[in-house]
Amino acid sequence: GSLRLSCAASGSIFSINAMGWYRQAPGKQREVVAVVATGGSTHYAGSV
């Protein structure tokens, strides 16, 4: 199946370098899922 996550930022949202998503499964460390830089470049974990 599919899901779409949203994240709305507010406050002092200037000089942002990047926004992204991380995840943490039970008993595991937090890991990066996907990141988008201010310039638009993206990075994904290999698993996704």
ModelCIF file with pLDDT and N, C-alpha, C, O atoms, coordinates in Angstrom:
data_MODEL
#
_entry.id   MODEL 
#
_entity.id                         1 
_entity.type                       polymer 
_entity.pdbx_number_of_molecules   1 
#
_entity_poly.entity_id                      1 
_entity_poly.type                           'polypeptide(L)' 
_entity_poly.nstd_linkage                   no 
_entity_poly.nstd_monomer                   no 
_entity_poly.pdbx_seq_one_letter_code       GSLRLSCAASGSIFSINAMGWYRQAPGKQREVVAVVATGGSTHYAGSV 
_entity_poly.pdbx_seq_one_letter_code_can   GSLRLSCAASGSIFSINAMGWYRQAPGKQREVVAVVATGGSTHYAGSV 
_entity_poly.pdbx_strand_id                 A 
#
loop_
_entity_poly_seq.entity_id 
_entity_poly_seq.num 
_entity_poly_seq.mon_id 
_entity_poly_seq.hetero 
1 1  GLY n 
1 2  SER n 
1 3  LEU n 
1 4  ARG n 
1 5  LEU n 
1 6  SER n 
1 7  CYS n 
1 8  ALA n 
1 9  ALA n 
1 10 SER n 
1 11 GLY n 
1 12 SER n 
1 13 ILE n 
1 14 PHE n 
1 15 SER n 
1 16 ILE n 
1 17 ASN n 
1 18 ALA n 
1 19 MET n 
1 20 GLY n 
1 21 TRP n 
1 22 TYR n 
1 23 ARG n 
1 24 GLN n 
1 25 ALA n 
1 26 PRO n 
1 27 GLY n 
1 28 LYS n 
1 29 GLN n 
1 30 ARG n 
1 31 GLU n 
1 32 VAL n 
1 33 VAL n 
1 34 ALA n 
1 35 VAL n 
1 36 VAL n 
1 37 ALA n 
1 38 THR n 
1 39 GLY n 
1 40 GLY n 
1 41 SER n 
1 42 THR n 
1 43 HIS n 
1 44 TYR n 
1 45 ALA n 
1 46 GLY n 
1 47 SER n 
1 48 VAL n 
#
_struct_asym.id          A 
_struct_asym.entity_id   1 
#
loop_
_ma_qa_metric.id 
_ma_qa_metric.mode 
_ma_qa_metric.name 
_ma_qa_metric.software_group_id 
_ma_qa_metric.type 
1 global pLDDT . pLDDT 
2 local  pLDDT . pLDDT 
#
_ma_qa_metric_global.metric_id      1 
_ma_qa_metric_global.metric_value   93.40 
_ma_qa_metric_global.model_id       1 
_ma_qa_metric_global.ordinal_id     1 
#
loop_
_ma_qa_metric_local.label_asym_id 
_ma_qa_metric_local.label_comp_id 
_ma_qa_metric_local.label_seq_id 
_ma_qa_metric_local.metric_id 
_ma_qa_metric_local.metric_value 
_ma_qa_metric_local.model_id 
_ma_qa_metric_local.ordinal_id 
A GLY 1  2 98.00 1 1  
A SER 2  2 98.00 1 2  
A LEU 3  2 98.00 1 3  
A ARG 4  2 98.00 1 4  
A LEU 5  2 98.00 1 5  
A SER 6  2 98.00 1 6  
A CYS 7  2 97.00 1 7  
A ALA 8  2 95.00 1 8  
A ALA 9  2 94.00 1 9  
A SER 10 2 90.00 1 10 
A GLY 11 2 87.00 1 11 
A SER 12 2 82.00 1 12 
A ILE 13 2 80.00 1 13 
A PHE 14 2 78.00 1 14 
A SER 15 2 78.00 1 15 
A ILE 16 2 80.00 1 16 
A ASN 17 2 82.00 1 17 
A ALA 18 2 92.00 1 18 
A MET 19 2 94.00 1 19 
A GLY 20 2 96.00 1 20 
A TRP 21 2 98.00 1 21 
A TYR 22 2 98.00 1 22 
A ARG 23 2 98.00 1 23 
A GLN 24 2 98.00 1 24 
A ALA 25 2 96.00 1 25 
A PRO 26 2 92.00 1 26 
A GLY 27 2 94.00 1 27 
A LYS 28 2 96.00 1 28 
A GLN 29 2 97.00 1 29 
A ARG 30 2 97.00 1 30 
A GLU 31 2 98.00 1 31 
A VAL 32 2 98.00 1 32 
A VAL 33 2 98.00 1 33 
A ALA 34 2 98.00 1 34 
A VAL 35 2 97.00 1 35 
A VAL 36 2 95.00 1 36 
A ALA 37 2 91.00 1 37 
A THR 38 2 85.00 1 38 
A GLY 39 2 85.00 1 39 
A GLY 40 2 87.00 1 40 
A SER 41 2 94.00 1 41 
A THR 42 2 96.00 1 42 
A HIS 43 2 97.00 1 43 
A TYR 44 2 98.00 1 44 
A ALA 45 2 97.00 1 45 
A GLY 46 2 97.00 1 46 
A SER 47 2 97.00 1 47 
A VAL 48 2 98.00 1 48 
#
loop_
_atom_site.group_PDB 
_atom_site.id 
_atom_site.type_symbol 
_atom_site.label_atom_id 
_atom_site.label_alt_id 
_atom_site.label_comp_id 
_atom_site.label_asym_id 
_atom_site.label_entity_id 
_atom_site.label_seq_id 
_atom_site.pdbx_PDB_ins_code 
_atom_site.Cartn_x 
_atom_site.Cartn_y 
_atom_site.Cartn_z 
_atom_site.occupancy 
_atom_site.B_iso_or_equiv 
_atom_site.pdbx_formal_charge 
_atom_site.auth_seq_id 
_atom_site.auth_comp_id 
_atom_site.auth_asym_id 
_atom_site.auth_atom_id 
_atom_site.pdbx_PDB_model_num 
ATOM 1   N N  . GLY A 1 1  ? 0.805  -1.213 0.000  1.00 98.00 ? 1  GLY A N  1 
ATOM 2   C CA . GLY A 1 1  ? 0.000  0.000  0.000  1.00 98.00 ? 1  GLY A CA 1 
ATOM 3   C C  . GLY A 1 1  ? 0.840  1.265  0.000  1.00 98.00 ? 1  GLY A C  1 
ATOM 4   O O  . GLY A 1 1  ? 2.068  1.224  -0.073 1.00 98.00 ? 1  GLY A O  1 
ATOM 5   N N  . SER A 1 2  ? 0.140  2.395  0.084  1.00 98.00 ? 2  SER A N  1 
ATOM 6   C CA . SER A 1 2  ? 0.803  3.691  0.019  1.00 98.00 ? 2  SER A CA 1 
ATOM 7   C C  . SER A 1 2  ? 0.318  4.600  1.152  1.00 98.00 ? 2  SER A C  1 
ATOM 8   O O  . SER A 1 2  ? -0.804 4.476  1.644  1.00 98.00 ? 2  SER A O  1 
ATOM 9   N N  . LEU A 1 3  ? 1.199  5.507  1.543  1.00 98.00 ? 3  LEU A N  1 
ATOM 10  C CA . LEU A 1 3  ? 0.868  6.566  2.491  1.00 98.00 ? 3  LEU A CA 1 
ATOM 11  C C  . LEU A 1 3  ? 1.628  7.809  2.079  1.00 98.00 ? 3  LEU A C  1 
ATOM 12  O O  . LEU A 1 3  ? 2.676  7.727  1.438  1.00 98.00 ? 3  LEU A O  1 
ATOM 13  N N  . ARG A 1 4  ? 1.090  8.969  2.455  1.00 98.00 ? 4  ARG A N  1 
ATOM 14  C CA . ARG A 1 4  ? 1.824  10.210 2.244  1.00 98.00 ? 4  ARG A CA 1 
ATOM 15  C C  . ARG A 1 4  ? 1.922  10.954 3.577  1.00 98.00 ? 4  ARG A C  1 
ATOM 16  O O  . ARG A 1 4  ? 0.921  11.248 4.230  1.00 98.00 ? 4  ARG A O  1 
ATOM 17  N N  . LEU A 1 5  ? 3.157  11.242 3.947  1.00 98.00 ? 5  LEU A N  1 
ATOM 18  C CA . LEU A 1 5  ? 3.413  12.016 5.158  1.00 98.00 ? 5  LEU A CA 1 
ATOM 19  C C  . LEU A 1 5  ? 3.610  13.481 4.780  1.00 98.00 ? 5  LEU A C  1 
ATOM 20  O O  . LEU A 1 5  ? 4.149  13.806 3.723  1.00 98.00 ? 5  LEU A O  1 
ATOM 21  N N  . SER A 1 6  ? 3.156  14.352 5.677  1.00 98.00 ? 6  SER A N  1 
ATOM 22  C CA . SER A 1 6  ? 3.346  15.794 5.487  1.00 98.00 ? 6  SER A CA 1 
ATOM 23  C C  . SER A 1 6  ? 4.000  16.380 6.732  1.00 98.00 ? 6  SER A C  1 
ATOM 24  O O  . SER A 1 6  ? 3.781  15.902 7.845  1.00 98.00 ? 6  SER A O  1 
ATOM 25  N N  . CYS A 1 7  ? 4.796  17.410 6.532  1.00 97.00 ? 7  CYS A N  1 
ATOM 26  C CA . CYS A 1 7  ? 5.430  18.104 7.645  1.00 97.00 ? 7  CYS A CA 1 
ATOM 27  C C  . CYS A 1 7  ? 5.423  19.589 7.348  1.00 97.00 ? 7  CYS A C  1 
ATOM 28  O O  . CYS A 1 7  ? 6.066  20.049 6.404  1.00 97.00 ? 7  CYS A O  1 
ATOM 29  N N  . ALA A 1 8  ? 4.688  20.338 8.163  1.00 95.00 ? 8  ALA A N  1 
ATOM 30  C CA . ALA A 1 8  ? 4.599  21.780 7.983  1.00 95.00 ? 8  ALA A CA 1 
ATOM 31  C C  . ALA A 1 8  ? 5.512  22.477 8.980  1.00 95.00 ? 8  ALA A C  1 
ATOM 32  O O  . ALA A 1 8  ? 5.454  22.216 10.181 1.00 95.00 ? 8  ALA A O  1 
ATOM 33  N N  . ALA A 1 9  ? 6.356  23.368 8.468  1.00 94.00 ? 9  ALA A N  1 
ATOM 34  C CA . ALA A 1 9  ? 7.287  24.113 9.305  1.00 94.00 ? 9  ALA A CA 1 
ATOM 35  C C  . ALA A 1 9  ? 6.774  25.524 9.551  1.00 94.00 ? 9  ALA A C  1 
ATOM 36  O O  . ALA A 1 9  ? 6.174  26.140 8.670  1.00 94.00 ? 9  ALA A O  1 
ATOM 37  N N  . SER A 1 10 ? 7.013  26.025 10.745 1.00 90.00 ? 10 SER A N  1 
ATOM 38  C CA . SER A 1 10 ? 6.644  27.399 11.078 1.00 90.00 ? 10 SER A CA 1 
ATOM 39  C C  . SER A 1 10 ? 7.666  27.962 12.050 1.00 90.00 ? 10 SER A C  1 
ATOM 40  O O  . SER A 1 10 ? 8.478  27.230 12.615 1.00 90.00 ? 10 SER A O  1 
ATOM 41  N N  . GLY A 1 11 ? 7.613  29.262 12.234 1.00 87.00 ? 11 GLY A N  1 
ATOM 42  C CA . GLY A 1 11 ? 8.561  29.912 13.134 1.00 87.00 ? 11 GLY A CA 1 
ATOM 43  C C  . GLY A 1 11 ? 9.680  30.573 12.355 1.00 87.00 ? 11 GLY A C  1 
ATOM 44  O O  . GLY A 1 11 ? 9.440  31.188 11.316 1.00 87.00 ? 11 GLY A O  1 
ATOM 45  N N  . SER A 1 12 ? 10.893 30.451 12.849 1.00 82.00 ? 12 SER A N  1 
ATOM 46  C CA . SER A 1 12 ? 12.068 31.098 12.235 1.00 82.00 ? 12 SER A CA 1 
ATOM 47  C C  . SER A 1 12 ? 12.609 30.249 11.097 1.00 82.00 ? 12 SER A C  1 
ATOM 48  O O  . SER A 1 12 ? 13.704 29.694 11.179 1.00 82.00 ? 12 SER A O  1 
ATOM 49  N N  . ILE A 1 13 ? 11.831 30.160 10.052 1.00 80.00 ? 13 ILE A N  1 
ATOM 50  C CA . ILE A 1 13 ? 12.188 29.274 8.942  1.00 80.00 ? 13 ILE A CA 1 
ATOM 51  C C  . ILE A 1 13 ? 12.919 30.043 7.850  1.00 80.00 ? 13 ILE A C  1 
ATOM 52  O O  . ILE A 1 13 ? 12.419 30.208 6.737  1.00 80.00 ? 13 ILE A O  1 
ATOM 53  N N  . PHE A 1 14 ? 14.108 30.507 8.195  1.00 78.00 ? 14 PHE A N  1 
ATOM 54  C CA . PHE A 1 14 ? 15.003 31.087 7.216  1.00 78.00 ? 14 PHE A CA 1 
ATOM 55  C C  . PHE A 1 14 ? 16.366 30.429 7.424  1.00 78.00 ? 14 PHE A C  1 
ATOM 56  O O  . PHE A 1 14 ? 16.613 29.796 8.450  1.00 78.00 ? 14 PHE A O  1 
ATOM 57  N N  . SER A 1 15 ? 17.236 30.586 6.446  1.00 78.00 ? 15 SER A N  1 
ATOM 58  C CA . SER A 1 15 ? 18.564 29.966 6.483  1.00 78.00 ? 15 SER A CA 1 
ATOM 59  C C  . SER A 1 15 ? 18.460 28.452 6.675  1.00 78.00 ? 15 SER A C  1 
ATOM 60  O O  . SER A 1 15 ? 19.279 27.841 7.362  1.00 78.00 ? 15 SER A O  1 
ATOM 61  N N  . ILE A 1 16 ? 17.443 27.867 6.058  1.00 80.00 ? 16 ILE A N  1 
ATOM 62  C CA . ILE A 1 16 ? 17.264 26.413 6.145  1.00 80.00 ? 16 ILE A CA 1 
ATOM 63  C C  . ILE A 1 16 ? 18.222 25.744 5.162  1.00 80.00 ? 16 ILE A C  1 
ATOM 64  O O  . ILE A 1 16 ? 18.336 26.161 4.009  1.00 80.00 ? 16 ILE A O  1 
ATOM 65  N N  . ASN A 1 17 ? 18.899 24.716 5.625  1.00 82.00 ? 17 ASN A N  1 
ATOM 66  C CA . ASN A 1 17 ? 19.800 23.961 4.768  1.00 82.00 ? 17 ASN A CA 1 
ATOM 67  C C  . ASN A 1 17 ? 19.074 22.811 4.071  1.00 82.00 ? 17 ASN A C  1 
ATOM 68  O O  . ASN A 1 17 ? 19.279 22.552 2.885  1.00 82.00 ? 17 ASN A O  1 
ATOM 69  N N  . ALA A 1 18 ? 18.221 22.130 4.837  1.00 92.00 ? 18 ALA A N  1 
ATOM 70  C CA . ALA A 1 18 ? 17.548 20.964 4.272  1.00 92.00 ? 18 ALA A CA 1 
ATOM 71  C C  . ALA A 1 18 ? 16.376 20.573 5.157  1.00 92.00 ? 18 ALA A C  1 
ATOM 72  O O  . ALA A 1 18 ? 16.307 20.933 6.332  1.00 92.00 ? 18 ALA A O  1 
ATOM 73  N N  . MET A 1 19 ? 15.458 19.827 4.560  1.00 94.00 ? 19 MET A N  1 
ATOM 74  C CA . MET A 1 19 ? 14.378 19.189 5.310  1.00 94.00 ? 19 MET A CA 1 
ATOM 75  C C  . MET A 1 19 ? 14.333 17.734 4.898  1.00 94.00 ? 19 MET A C  1 
ATOM 76  O O  . MET A 1 19 ? 14.728 17.379 3.787  1.00 94.00 ? 19 MET A O  1 
ATOM 77  N N  . GLY A 1 20 ? 13.855 16.903 5.787  1.00 96.00 ? 20 GLY A N  1 
ATOM 78  C CA . GLY A 1 20 ? 13.825 15.504 5.439  1.00 96.00 ? 20 GLY A CA 1 
ATOM 79  C C  . GLY A 1 20 ? 13.059 14.658 6.425  1.00 96.00 ? 20 GLY A C  1 
ATOM 80  O O  . GLY A 1 20 ? 12.419 15.163 7.348  1.00 96.00 ? 20 GLY A O  1 
ATOM 81  N N  . TRP A 1 21 ? 13.138 13.361 6.209  1.00 98.00 ? 21 TRP A N  1 
ATOM 82  C CA . TRP A 1 21 ? 12.452 12.384 7.035  1.00 98.00 ? 21 TRP A CA 1 
ATOM 83  C C  . TRP A 1 21 ? 13.449 11.345 7.531  1.00 98.00 ? 21 TRP A C  1 
ATOM 84  O O  . TRP A 1 21 ? 14.312 10.876 6.788  1.00 98.00 ? 21 TRP A O  1 
ATOM 85  N N  . TYR A 1 22 ? 13.308 11.006 8.791  1.00 98.00 ? 22 TYR A N  1 
ATOM 86  C CA . TYR A 1 22 ? 14.061 9.940  9.418  1.00 98.00 ? 22 TYR A CA 1 
ATOM 87  C C  . TYR A 1 22 ? 13.041 8.971  10.016 1.00 98.00 ? 22 TYR A C  1 
ATOM 88  O O  . TYR A 1 22 ? 11.864 9.302  10.157 1.00 98.00 ? 22 TYR A O  1 
ATOM 89  N N  . ARG A 1 23 ? 13.504 7.784  10.361 1.00 98.00 ? 23 ARG A N  1 
ATOM 90  C CA . ARG A 1 23 ? 12.605 6.826  11.005 1.00 98.00 ? 23 ARG A CA 1 
ATOM 91  C C  . ARG A 1 23 ? 13.352 6.020  12.049 1.00 98.00 ? 23 ARG A C  1 
ATOM 92  O O  . ARG A 1 23 ? 14.569 5.842  11.987 1.00 98.00 ? 23 ARG A O  1 
ATOM 93  N N  . GLN A 1 24 ? 12.585 5.542  13.003 1.00 98.00 ? 24 GLN A N  1 
ATOM 94  C CA . GLN A 1 24 ? 13.154 4.716  14.060 1.00 98.00 ? 24 GLN A CA 1 
ATOM 95  C C  . GLN A 1 24 ? 12.209 3.572  14.352 1.00 98.00 ? 24 GLN A C  1 
ATOM 96  O O  . GLN A 1 24 ? 11.072 3.770  14.781 1.00 98.00 ? 24 GLN A O  1 
ATOM 97  N N  . ALA A 1 25 ? 12.702 2.376  14.112 1.00 96.00 ? 25 ALA A N  1 
ATOM 98  C CA . ALA A 1 25 ? 11.946 1.164  14.415 1.00 96.00 ? 25 ALA A CA 1 
ATOM 99  C C  . ALA A 1 25 ? 12.278 0.719  15.834 1.00 96.00 ? 25 ALA A C  1 
ATOM 100 O O  . ALA A 1 25 ? 13.325 1.094  16.362 1.00 96.00 ? 25 ALA A O  1 
ATOM 101 N N  . PRO A 1 26 ? 11.416 -0.067 16.459 1.00 92.00 ? 26 PRO A N  1 
ATOM 102 C CA . PRO A 1 26 ? 11.672 -0.528 17.826 1.00 92.00 ? 26 PRO A CA 1 
ATOM 103 C C  . PRO A 1 26 ? 13.016 -1.247 17.924 1.00 92.00 ? 26 PRO A C  1 
ATOM 104 O O  . PRO A 1 26 ? 13.305 -2.150 17.139 1.00 92.00 ? 26 PRO A O  1 
ATOM 105 N N  . GLY A 1 27 ? 13.823 -0.845 18.882 1.00 94.00 ? 27 GLY A N  1 
ATOM 106 C CA . GLY A 1 27 ? 15.104 -1.491 19.114 1.00 94.00 ? 27 GLY A CA 1 
ATOM 107 C C  . GLY A 1 27 ? 16.194 -1.103 18.144 1.00 94.00 ? 27 GLY A C  1 
ATOM 108 O O  . GLY A 1 27 ? 17.287 -1.670 18.180 1.00 94.00 ? 27 GLY A O  1 
ATOM 109 N N  . LYS A 1 28 ? 15.916 -0.145 17.275 1.00 96.00 ? 28 LYS A N  1 
ATOM 110 C CA . LYS A 1 28 ? 16.905 0.273  16.282 1.00 96.00 ? 28 LYS A CA 1 
ATOM 111 C C  . LYS A 1 28 ? 17.198 1.760  16.408 1.00 96.00 ? 28 LYS A C  1 
ATOM 112 O O  . LYS A 1 28 ? 16.438 2.517  17.012 1.00 96.00 ? 28 LYS A O  1 
ATOM 113 N N  . GLN A 1 29 ? 18.325 2.158  15.819 1.00 97.00 ? 29 GLN A N  1 
ATOM 114 C CA . GLN A 1 29 ? 18.684 3.565  15.828 1.00 97.00 ? 29 GLN A CA 1 
ATOM 115 C C  . GLN A 1 29 ? 17.881 4.326  14.768 1.00 97.00 ? 29 GLN A C  1 
ATOM 116 O O  . GLN A 1 29 ? 17.403 3.756  13.788 1.00 97.00 ? 29 GLN A O  1 
ATOM 117 N N  . ARG A 1 30 ? 17.756 5.609  15.001 1.00 97.00 ? 30 ARG A N  1 
ATOM 118 C CA . ARG A 1 30 ? 17.096 6.459  14.026 1.00 97.00 ? 30 ARG A CA 1 
ATOM 119 C C  . ARG A 1 30 ? 17.950 6.511  12.762 1.00 97.00 ? 30 ARG A C  1 
ATOM 120 O O  . ARG A 1 30 ? 19.173 6.638  12.834 1.00 97.00 ? 30 ARG A O  1 
ATOM 121 N N  . GLU A 1 31 ? 17.300 6.412  11.607 1.00 98.00 ? 31 GLU A N  1 
ATOM 122 C CA . GLU A 1 31 ? 18.029 6.408  10.348 1.00 98.00 ? 31 GLU A CA 1 
ATOM 123 C C  . GLU A 1 31 ? 17.390 7.380  9.363  1.00 98.00 ? 31 GLU A C  1 
ATOM 124 O O  . GLU A 1 31 ? 16.193 7.661  9.431  1.00 98.00 ? 31 GLU A O  1 
ATOM 125 N N  . VAL A 1 32 ? 18.198 7.880  8.461  1.00 98.00 ? 32 VAL A N  1 
ATOM 126 C CA . VAL A 1 32 ? 17.690 8.784  7.448  1.00 98.00 ? 32 VAL A CA 1 
ATOM 127 C C  . VAL A 1 32 ? 16.868 8.001  6.435  1.00 98.00 ? 32 VAL A C  1 
ATOM 128 O O  . VAL A 1 32 ? 17.224 6.883  6.061  1.00 98.00 ? 32 VAL A O  1 
ATOM 129 N N  . VAL A 1 33 ? 15.771 8.594  5.997  1.00 98.00 ? 33 VAL A N  1 
ATOM 130 C CA . VAL A 1 33 ? 14.939 8.011  4.958  1.00 98.00 ? 33 VAL A CA 1 
ATOM 131 C C  . VAL A 1 33 ? 15.121 8.792  3.657  1.00 98.00 ? 33 VAL A C  1 
ATOM 132 O O  . VAL A 1 33 ? 15.450 8.219  2.618  1.00 98.00 ? 33 VAL A O  1 
ATOM 133 N N  . ALA A 1 34 ? 14.906 10.082 3.726  1.00 98.00 ? 34 ALA A N  1 
ATOM 134 C CA . ALA A 1 34 ? 15.033 10.934 2.543  1.00 98.00 ? 34 ALA A CA 1 
ATOM 135 C C  . ALA A 1 34 ? 15.218 12.378 2.984  1.00 98.00 ? 34 ALA A C  1 
ATOM 136 O O  . ALA A 1 34 ? 14.661 12.822 3.987  1.00 98.00 ? 34 ALA A O  1 
ATOM 137 N N  . VAL A 1 35 ? 16.023 13.100 2.198  1.00 97.00 ? 35 VAL A N  1 
ATOM 138 C CA . VAL A 1 35 ? 16.323 14.492 2.514  1.00 97.00 ? 35 VAL A CA 1 
ATOM 139 C C  . VAL A 1 35 ? 16.255 15.311 1.228  1.00 97.00 ? 35 VAL A C  1 
ATOM 140 O O  . VAL A 1 35 ? 16.672 14.846 0.167  1.00 97.00 ? 35 VAL A O  1 
ATOM 141 N N  . VAL A 1 36 ? 15.733 16.519 1.327  1.00 95.00 ? 36 VAL A N  1 
ATOM 142 C CA . VAL A 1 36 ? 15.761 17.436 0.193  1.00 95.00 ? 36 VAL A CA 1 
ATOM 143 C C  . VAL A 1 36 ? 16.439 18.728 0.654  1.00 95.00 ? 36 VAL A C  1 
ATOM 144 O O  . VAL A 1 36 ? 16.024 19.352 1.631  1.00 95.00 ? 36 VAL A O  1 
ATOM 145 N N  . ALA A 1 37 ? 17.479 19.109 -0.062 1.00 91.00 ? 37 ALA A N  1 
ATOM 146 C CA . ALA A 1 37 ? 18.202 20.324 0.278  1.00 91.00 ? 37 ALA A CA 1 
ATOM 147 C C  . ALA A 1 37 ? 17.461 21.546 -0.254 1.00 91.00 ? 37 ALA A C  1 
ATOM 148 O O  . ALA A 1 37 ? 16.565 21.437 -1.091 1.00 91.00 ? 37 ALA A O  1 
ATOM 149 N N  . THR A 1 38 ? 17.854 22.695 0.247  1.00 85.00 ? 38 THR A N  1 
ATOM 150 C CA . THR A 1 38 ? 17.204 23.933 -0.176 1.00 85.00 ? 38 THR A CA 1 
ATOM 151 C C  . THR A 1 38 ? 17.305 24.132 -1.684 1.00 85.00 ? 38 THR A C  1 
ATOM 152 O O  . THR A 1 38 ? 16.389 24.665 -2.310 1.00 85.00 ? 38 THR A O  1 
ATOM 153 N N  . GLY A 1 39 ? 18.407 23.705 -2.254 1.00 85.00 ? 39 GLY A N  1 
ATOM 154 C CA . GLY A 1 39 ? 18.581 23.839 -3.693 1.00 85.00 ? 39 GLY A CA 1 
ATOM 155 C C  . GLY A 1 39 ? 17.795 22.832 -4.511 1.00 85.00 ? 39 GLY A C  1 
ATOM 156 O O  . GLY A 1 39 ? 17.729 22.935 -5.736 1.00 85.00 ? 39 GLY A O  1 
ATOM 157 N N  . GLY A 1 40 ? 17.196 21.852 -3.833 1.00 87.00 ? 40 GLY A N  1 
ATOM 158 C CA . GLY A 1 40 ? 16.353 20.892 -4.533 1.00 87.00 ? 40 GLY A CA 1 
ATOM 159 C C  . GLY A 1 40 ? 16.948 19.498 -4.694 1.00 87.00 ? 40 GLY A C  1 
ATOM 160 O O  . GLY A 1 40 ? 16.247 18.568 -5.092 1.00 87.00 ? 40 GLY A O  1 
ATOM 161 N N  . SER A 1 41 ? 18.219 19.346 -4.392 1.00 94.00 ? 41 SER A N  1 
ATOM 162 C CA . SER A 1 41 ? 18.812 18.015 -4.518 1.00 94.00 ? 41 SER A CA 1 
ATOM 163 C C  . SER A 1 41 ? 18.250 17.095 -3.445 1.00 94.00 ? 41 SER A C  1 
ATOM 164 O O  . SER A 1 41 ? 17.920 17.532 -2.342 1.00 94.00 ? 41 SER A O  1 
ATOM 165 N N  . THR A 1 42 ? 18.149 15.830 -3.782 1.00 96.00 ? 42 THR A N  1 
ATOM 166 C CA . THR A 1 42 ? 17.555 14.856 -2.862 1.00 96.00 ? 42 THR A CA 1 
ATOM 167 C C  . THR A 1 42 ? 18.516 13.708 -2.582 1.00 96.00 ? 42 THR A C  1 
ATOM 168 O O  . THR A 1 42 ? 19.421 13.415 -3.364 1.00 96.00 ? 42 THR A O  1 
ATOM 169 N N  . HIS A 1 43 ? 18.287 13.074 -1.449 1.00 97.00 ? 43 HIS A N  1 
ATOM 170 C CA . HIS A 1 43 ? 19.058 11.899 -1.048 1.00 97.00 ? 43 HIS A CA 1 
ATOM 171 C C  . HIS A 1 43 ? 18.088 10.902 -0.449 1.00 97.00 ? 43 HIS A C  1 
ATOM 172 O O  . HIS A 1 43 ? 17.216 11.263 0.341  1.00 97.00 ? 43 HIS A O  1 
ATOM 173 N N  . TYR A 1 44 ? 18.247 9.641  -0.830 1.00 98.00 ? 44 TYR A N  1 
ATOM 174 C CA . TYR A 1 44 ? 17.387 8.588  -0.312 1.00 98.00 ? 44 TYR A CA 1 
ATOM 175 C C  . TYR A 1 44 ? 18.231 7.468  0.294  1.00 98.00 ? 44 TYR A C  1 
ATOM 176 O O  . TYR A 1 44 ? 19.337 7.185  -0.166 1.00 98.00 ? 44 TYR A O  1 
ATOM 177 N N  . ALA A 1 45 ? 17.697 6.853  1.311  1.00 97.00 ? 45 ALA A N  1 
ATOM 178 C CA . ALA A 1 45 ? 18.291 5.628  1.818  1.00 97.00 ? 45 ALA A CA 1 
ATOM 179 C C  . ALA A 1 45 ? 18.122 4.553  0.752  1.00 97.00 ? 45 ALA A C  1 
ATOM 180 O O  . ALA A 1 45 ? 17.133 4.532  0.019  1.00 97.00 ? 45 ALA A O  1 
ATOM 181 N N  . GLY A 1 46 ? 19.095 3.674  0.682  1.00 97.00 ? 46 GLY A N  1 
ATOM 182 C CA . GLY A 1 46 ? 19.041 2.634  -0.338 1.00 97.00 ? 46 GLY A CA 1 
ATOM 183 C C  . GLY A 1 46 ? 17.799 1.767  -0.247 1.00 97.00 ? 46 GLY A C  1 
ATOM 184 O O  . GLY A 1 46 ? 17.281 1.297  -1.259 1.00 97.00 ? 46 GLY A O  1 
ATOM 185 N N  . SER A 1 47 ? 17.325 1.558  0.983  1.00 97.00 ? 47 SER A N  1 
ATOM 186 C CA . SER A 1 47 ? 16.190 0.668  1.196  1.00 97.00 ? 47 SER A CA 1 
ATOM 187 C C  . SER A 1 47 ? 14.863 1.236  0.683  1.00 97.00 ? 47 SER A C  1 
ATOM 188 O O  . SER A 1 47 ? 13.889 0.497  0.539  1.00 97.00 ? 47 SER A O  1 
ATOM 189 N N  . VAL A 1 48 ? 14.820 2.544  0.407  1.00 98.00 ? 48 VAL A N  1 
ATOM 190 C CA . VAL A 1 48 ? 13.551 3.150  -0.034 1.00 98.00 ? 48 VAL A CA 1 
ATOM 191 C C  . VAL A 1 48 ? 13.628 3.701  -1.453 1.00 98.00 ? 48 VAL A C  1 
ATOM 192 O O  . VAL A 1 48 ? 12.644 4.239  -1.961 1.00 98.00 ? 48 VAL A O  1 
#
